[in-house]
Amino acid sequence: MDDSRMTYVCAACDTTAVVREAWAAWDVATQAWRLEELFDFAFCQQCHRRTRLEARPATG
């Protein structure tokens, strides 16, 4: 088991239902979207507002 696995949670409510803003670019060669840029903005889908993410060890 890999003990270095992490998850991210909302700092306000501890849910893992969080997302971050990012840009994706279409890669013609692979015919898939490629993550190009990841931004600091994080949003909690449970609180329905901007949040600060906290990294936690993944369980399970």
PDB file of N, CA and C in Angstrom:
ATOM      1  N   MET A   1       0.842  -1.186   0.000  1.00  0.00           N
ATOM      2  CA  MET A   1       0.000   0.000   0.000  1.00  0.00           C
ATOM      3  C   MET A   1       0.883   1.243   0.000  1.00  0.00           C
ATOM      4  N   ASP A   2       0.523   2.240  -0.782  1.00  0.00           N
ATOM      5  CA  ASP A   2       1.294   3.470  -0.900  1.00  0.00           C
ATOM      6  C   ASP A   2       0.845   4.460   0.171  1.00  0.00           C
ATOM      7  N   ASP A   3       1.675   4.682   1.179  1.00  0.00           N
ATOM      8  CA  ASP A   3       1.324   5.583   2.278  1.00  0.00           C
ATOM      9  C   ASP A   3       1.435   7.053   1.901  1.00  0.00           C
ATOM     10  N   SER A   4       1.906   7.365   0.697  1.00  0.00           N
ATOM     11  CA  SER A   4       2.075   8.757   0.297  1.00  0.00           C
ATOM     12  C   SER A   4       0.866   9.304  -0.461  1.00  0.00           C
ATOM     13  N   ARG A   5      -0.193   8.517  -0.593  1.00  0.00           N
ATOM     14  CA  ARG A   5      -1.391   8.998  -1.292  1.00  0.00           C
ATOM     15  C   ARG A   5      -2.040  10.122  -0.504  1.00  0.00           C
ATOM     16  N   MET A   6      -2.474  11.166  -1.223  1.00  0.00           N
ATOM     17  CA  MET A   6      -3.085  12.330  -0.591  1.00  0.00           C
ATOM     18  C   MET A   6      -4.470  12.572  -1.172  1.00  0.00           C
ATOM     19  N   THR A   7      -5.285  13.289  -0.419  1.00  0.00           N
ATOM     20  CA  THR A   7      -6.564  13.787  -0.903  1.00  0.00           C
ATOM     21  C   THR A   7      -6.664  15.245  -0.479  1.00  0.00           C
ATOM     22  N   TYR A   8      -7.570  15.974  -1.086  1.00  0.00           N
ATOM     23  CA  TYR A   8      -7.781  17.373  -0.721  1.00  0.00           C
ATOM     24  C   TYR A   8      -9.203  17.540  -0.230  1.00  0.00           C
ATOM     25  N   VAL A   9      -9.362  18.343   0.831  1.00  0.00           N
ATOM     26  CA  VAL A   9     -10.673  18.592   1.417  1.00  0.00           C
ATOM     27  C   VAL A   9     -10.892  20.088   1.572  1.00  0.00           C
ATOM     28  N   CYS A  10     -12.156  20.461   1.709  1.00  0.00           N
ATOM     29  CA  CYS A  10     -12.533  21.846   1.983  1.00  0.00           C
ATOM     30  C   CYS A  10     -12.110  22.190   3.409  1.00  0.00           C
ATOM     31  N   ALA A  11     -11.455  23.317   3.585  1.00  0.00           N
ATOM     32  CA  ALA A  11     -11.011  23.739   4.913  1.00  0.00           C
ATOM     33  C   ALA A  11     -12.190  24.055   5.833  1.00  0.00           C
ATOM     34  N   ALA A  12     -13.350  24.391   5.279  1.00  0.00           N
ATOM     35  CA  ALA A  12     -14.506  24.756   6.094  1.00  0.00           C
ATOM     36  C   ALA A  12     -15.339  23.556   6.534  1.00  0.00           C
ATOM     37  N   CYS A  13     -15.541  22.568   5.624  1.00  0.00           N
ATOM     38  CA  CYS A  13     -16.476  21.483   5.960  1.00  0.00           C
ATOM     39  C   CYS A  13     -15.881  20.078   5.844  1.00  0.00           C
ATOM     40  N   ASP A  14     -14.634  19.954   5.460  1.00  0.00           N
ATOM     41  CA  ASP A  14     -13.916  18.671   5.355  1.00  0.00           C
ATOM     42  C   ASP A  14     -14.398  17.732   4.250  1.00  0.00           C
ATOM     43  N   THR A  15     -15.257  18.180   3.359  1.00  0.00           N
ATOM     44  CA  THR A  15     -15.682  17.309   2.261  1.00  0.00           C
ATOM     45  C   THR A  15     -14.587  17.207   1.197  1.00  0.00           C
ATOM     46  N   THR A  16     -14.612  16.119   0.457  1.00  0.00           N
ATOM     47  CA  THR A  16     -13.692  15.972  -0.676  1.00  0.00           C
ATOM     48  C   THR A  16     -14.343  16.445  -1.978  1.00  0.00           C
ATOM     49  N   ALA A  17     -15.542  16.986  -1.907  1.00  0.00           N
ATOM     50  CA  ALA A  17     -16.256  17.478  -3.097  1.00  0.00           C
ATOM     51  C   ALA A  17     -15.744  18.868  -3.463  1.00  0.00           C
ATOM     52  N   VAL A  18     -14.483  18.925  -3.849  1.00  0.00           N
ATOM     53  CA  VAL A  18     -13.844  20.194  -4.182  1.00  0.00           C
ATOM     54  C   VAL A  18     -13.287  20.145  -5.603  1.00  0.00           C
ATOM     55  N   VAL A  19     -13.226  21.304  -6.235  1.00  0.00           N
ATOM     56  CA  VAL A  19     -12.680  21.422  -7.586  1.00  0.00           C
ATOM     57  C   VAL A  19     -11.756  22.630  -7.639  1.00  0.00           C
ATOM     58  N   ARG A  20     -10.865  22.619  -8.645  1.00  0.00           N
ATOM     59  CA  ARG A  20      -9.973  23.757  -8.876  1.00  0.00           C
ATOM     60  C   ARG A  20     -10.148  24.248 -10.295  1.00  0.00           C
ATOM     61  N   GLU A  21      -9.891  25.526 -10.464  1.00  0.00           N
ATOM     62  CA  GLU A  21      -9.958  26.128 -11.792  1.00  0.00           C
ATOM     63  C   GLU A  21      -8.705  25.763 -12.579  1.00  0.00           C
ATOM     64  N   ALA A  22      -8.893  25.451 -13.859  1.00  0.00           N
ATOM     65  CA  ALA A  22      -7.756  25.050 -14.695  1.00  0.00           C
ATOM     66  C   ALA A  22      -8.055  25.342 -16.161  1.00  0.00           C
ATOM     67  N   TRP A  23      -6.986  25.342 -16.962  1.00  0.00           N
ATOM     68  CA  TRP A  23      -7.112  25.410 -18.417  1.00  0.00           C
ATOM     69  C   TRP A  23      -6.714  24.074 -18.992  1.00  0.00           C
ATOM     70  N   ALA A  24      -7.455  23.633 -19.977  1.00  0.00           N
ATOM     71  CA  ALA A  24      -7.093  22.421 -20.709  1.00  0.00           C
ATOM     72  C   ALA A  24      -6.938  22.786 -22.181  1.00  0.00           C
ATOM     73  N   ALA A  25      -6.004  22.133 -22.842  1.00  0.00           N
ATOM     74  CA  ALA A  25      -5.760  22.375 -24.263  1.00  0.00           C
ATOM     75  C   ALA A  25      -5.954  21.073 -25.033  1.00  0.00           C
ATOM     76  N   TRP A  26      -6.530  21.180 -26.221  1.00  0.00           N
ATOM     77  CA  TRP A  26      -6.746  20.004 -27.058  1.00  0.00           C
ATOM     78  C   TRP A  26      -5.431  19.588 -27.692  1.00  0.00           C
ATOM     79  N   ASP A  27      -5.073  18.313 -27.537  1.00  0.00           N
ATOM     80  CA  ASP A  27      -3.853  17.755 -28.119  1.00  0.00           C
ATOM     81  C   ASP A  27      -4.259  16.948 -29.353  1.00  0.00           C
ATOM     82  N   VAL A  28      -3.940  17.468 -30.527  1.00  0.00           N
ATOM     83  CA  VAL A  28      -4.329  16.820 -31.783  1.00  0.00           C
ATOM     84  C   VAL A  28      -3.695  15.439 -31.902  1.00  0.00           C
ATOM     85  N   ALA A  29      -2.446  15.302 -31.493  1.00  0.00           N
ATOM     86  CA  ALA A  29      -1.728  14.028 -31.634  1.00  0.00           C
ATOM     87  C   ALA A  29      -2.364  12.904 -30.820  1.00  0.00           C
ATOM     88  N   THR A  30      -2.774  13.192 -29.587  1.00  0.00           N
ATOM     89  CA  THR A  30      -3.355  12.151 -28.726  1.00  0.00           C
ATOM     90  C   THR A  30      -4.877  12.119 -28.769  1.00  0.00           C
ATOM     91  N   GLN A  31      -5.482  13.165 -29.381  1.00  0.00           N
ATOM     92  CA  GLN A  31      -6.936  13.289 -29.453  1.00  0.00           C
ATOM     93  C   GLN A  31      -7.560  13.293 -28.060  1.00  0.00           C
ATOM     94  N   ALA A  32      -6.941  14.054 -27.163  1.00  0.00           N
ATOM     95  CA  ALA A  32      -7.434  14.150 -25.787  1.00  0.00           C
ATOM     96  C   ALA A  32      -7.136  15.541 -25.235  1.00  0.00           C
ATOM     97  N   TRP A  33      -7.885  15.923 -24.206  1.00  0.00           N
ATOM     98  CA  TRP A  33      -7.611  17.176 -23.515  1.00  0.00           C
ATOM     99  C   TRP A  33      -6.403  16.987 -22.610  1.00  0.00           C
ATOM    100  N   ARG A  34      -5.525  17.966 -22.585  1.00  0.00           N
ATOM    101  CA  ARG A  34      -4.306  17.943 -21.777  1.00  0.00           C
ATOM    102  C   ARG A  34      -4.360  19.134 -20.816  1.00  0.00           C
ATOM    103  N   LEU A  35      -4.155  18.873 -19.528  1.00  0.00           N
ATOM    104  CA  LEU A  35      -4.150  19.939 -18.538  1.00  0.00           C
ATOM    105  C   LEU A  35      -2.949  20.832 -18.781  1.00  0.00           C
ATOM    106  N   GLU A  36      -3.217  22.117 -18.992  1.00  0.00           N
ATOM    107  CA  GLU A  36      -2.156  23.050 -19.340  1.00  0.00           C
ATOM    108  C   GLU A  36      -1.777  23.967 -18.182  1.00  0.00           C
ATOM    109  N   GLU A  37      -2.752  24.396 -17.407  1.00  0.00           N
ATOM    110  CA  GLU A  37      -2.490  25.336 -16.319  1.00  0.00           C
ATOM    111  C   GLU A  37      -3.474  25.072 -15.190  1.00  0.00           C
ATOM    112  N   LEU A  38      -2.989  25.075 -13.957  1.00  0.00           N
ATOM    113  CA  LEU A  38      -3.816  24.870 -12.770  1.00  0.00           C
ATOM    114  C   LEU A  38      -3.736  26.134 -11.930  1.00  0.00           C
ATOM    115  N   PHE A  39      -4.889  26.697 -11.574  1.00  0.00           N
ATOM    116  CA  PHE A  39      -4.938  27.959 -10.842  1.00  0.00           C
ATOM    117  C   PHE A  39      -5.240  27.739  -9.360  1.00  0.00           C
ATOM    118  N   ASP A  40      -5.056  28.770  -8.570  1.00  0.00           N
ATOM    119  CA  ASP A  40      -5.245  28.689  -7.123  1.00  0.00           C
ATOM    120  C   ASP A  40      -6.713  28.642  -6.699  1.00  0.00           C
ATOM    121  N   PHE A  41      -7.634  29.145  -7.533  1.00  0.00           N
ATOM    122  CA  PHE A  41      -9.041  29.199  -7.165  1.00  0.00           C
ATOM    123  C   PHE A  41      -9.587  27.795  -6.904  1.00  0.00           C
ATOM    124  N   ALA A  42     -10.155  27.593  -5.724  1.00  0.00           N
ATOM    125  CA  ALA A  42     -10.770  26.313  -5.356  1.00  0.00           C
ATOM    126  C   ALA A  42     -12.210  26.577  -4.926  1.00  0.00           C
ATOM    127  N   PHE A  43     -13.087  25.635  -5.228  1.00  0.00           N
ATOM    128  CA  PHE A  43     -14.506  25.775  -4.942  1.00  0.00           C
ATOM    129  C   PHE A  43     -15.013  24.508  -4.269  1.00  0.00           C
ATOM    130  N   CYS A  44     -15.822  24.682  -3.218  1.00  0.00           N
ATOM    131  CA  CYS A  44     -16.427  23.544  -2.521  1.00  0.00           C
ATOM    132  C   CYS A  44     -17.842  23.337  -3.055  1.00  0.00           C
ATOM    133  N   GLN A  45     -18.118  22.143  -3.544  1.00  0.00           N
ATOM    134  CA  GLN A  45     -19.435  21.841  -4.091  1.00  0.00           C
ATOM    135  C   GLN A  45     -20.465  21.570  -3.001  1.00  0.00           C
ATOM    136  N   GLN A  46     -20.030  21.416  -1.761  1.00  0.00           N
ATOM    137  CA  GLN A  46     -20.970  21.239  -0.646  1.00  0.00           C
ATOM    138  C   GLN A  46     -21.314  22.588  -0.017  1.00  0.00           C
ATOM    139  N   CYS A  47     -20.316  23.430   0.217  1.00  0.00           N
ATOM    140  CA  CYS A  47     -20.541  24.767   0.787  1.00  0.00           C
ATOM    141  C   CYS A  47     -21.080  25.745  -0.264  1.00  0.00           C
ATOM    142  N   HIS A  48     -20.865  25.434  -1.534  1.00  0.00           N
ATOM    143  CA  HIS A  48     -21.244  26.295  -2.659  1.00  0.00           C
ATOM    144  C   HIS A  48     -20.558  27.652  -2.580  1.00  0.00           C
ATOM    145  N   ARG A  49     -19.246  27.609  -2.294  1.00  0.00           N
ATOM    146  CA  ARG A  49     -18.475  28.853  -2.240  1.00  0.00           C
ATOM    147  C   ARG A  49     -16.989  28.560  -2.417  1.00  0.00           C
ATOM    148  N   ARG A  50     -16.237  29.639  -2.596  1.00  0.00           N
ATOM    149  CA  ARG A  50     -14.788  29.525  -2.695  1.00  0.00           C
ATOM    150  C   ARG A  50     -14.246  28.974  -1.379  1.00  0.00           C
ATOM    151  N   THR A  51     -13.170  28.209  -1.462  1.00  0.00           N
ATOM    152  CA  THR A  51     -12.610  27.613  -0.256  1.00  0.00           C
ATOM    153  C   THR A  51     -11.093  27.564  -0.321  1.00  0.00           C
ATOM    154  N   ARG A  52     -10.510  27.190   0.778  1.00  0.00           N
ATOM    155  CA  ARG A  52      -9.076  26.897   0.855  1.00  0.00           C
ATOM    156  C   ARG A  52      -8.972  25.384   0.983  1.00  0.00           C
ATOM    157  N   LEU A  53      -8.103  24.788   0.177  1.00  0.00           N
ATOM    158  CA  LEU A  53      -7.946  23.336   0.209  1.00  0.00           C
ATOM    159  C   LEU A  53      -6.917  22.927   1.251  1.00  0.00           C
ATOM    160  N   GLU A  54      -7.171  21.804   1.902  1.00  0.00           N
ATOM    161  CA  GLU A  54      -6.213  21.219   2.839  1.00  0.00           C
ATOM    162  C   GLU A  54      -5.860  19.820   2.361  1.00  0.00           C
ATOM    163  N   ALA A  55      -4.578  19.527   2.299  1.00  0.00           N
ATOM    164  CA  ALA A  55      -4.109  18.194   1.905  1.00  0.00           C
ATOM    165  C   ALA A  55      -4.156  17.278   3.116  1.00  0.00           C
ATOM    166  N   ARG A  56      -4.661  16.076   2.898  1.00  0.00           N
ATOM    167  CA  ARG A  56      -4.745  15.076   3.963  1.00  0.00           C
ATOM    168  C   ARG A  56      -4.277  13.733   3.419  1.00  0.00           C
ATOM    169  N   PRO A  57      -3.764  12.862   4.279  1.00  0.00           N
ATOM    170  CA  PRO A  57      -3.435  11.505   3.826  1.00  0.00           C
ATOM    171  C   PRO A  57      -4.718  10.798   3.369  1.00  0.00           C
ATOM    172  N   ALA A  58      -4.660  10.112   2.254  1.00  0.00           N
ATOM    173  CA  ALA A  58      -5.823   9.382   1.737  1.00  0.00           C
ATOM    174  C   ALA A  58      -6.026   8.110   2.549  1.00  0.00           C
ATOM    175  N   THR A  59      -7.275   7.781   2.808  1.00  0.00           N
ATOM    176  CA  THR A  59      -7.601   6.553   3.531  1.00  0.00           C
ATOM    177  C   THR A  59      -8.416   5.651   2.626  1.00  0.00           C
ATOM    178  N   GLY A  60      -8.340   4.371   2.883  1.00  0.00           N
ATOM    179  CA  GLY A  60      -9.157   3.423   2.137  1.00  0.00           C
ATOM    180  C   GLY A  60      -8.562   2.900   0.887  1.00  0.00           C
TER     181      GLY A  60
END
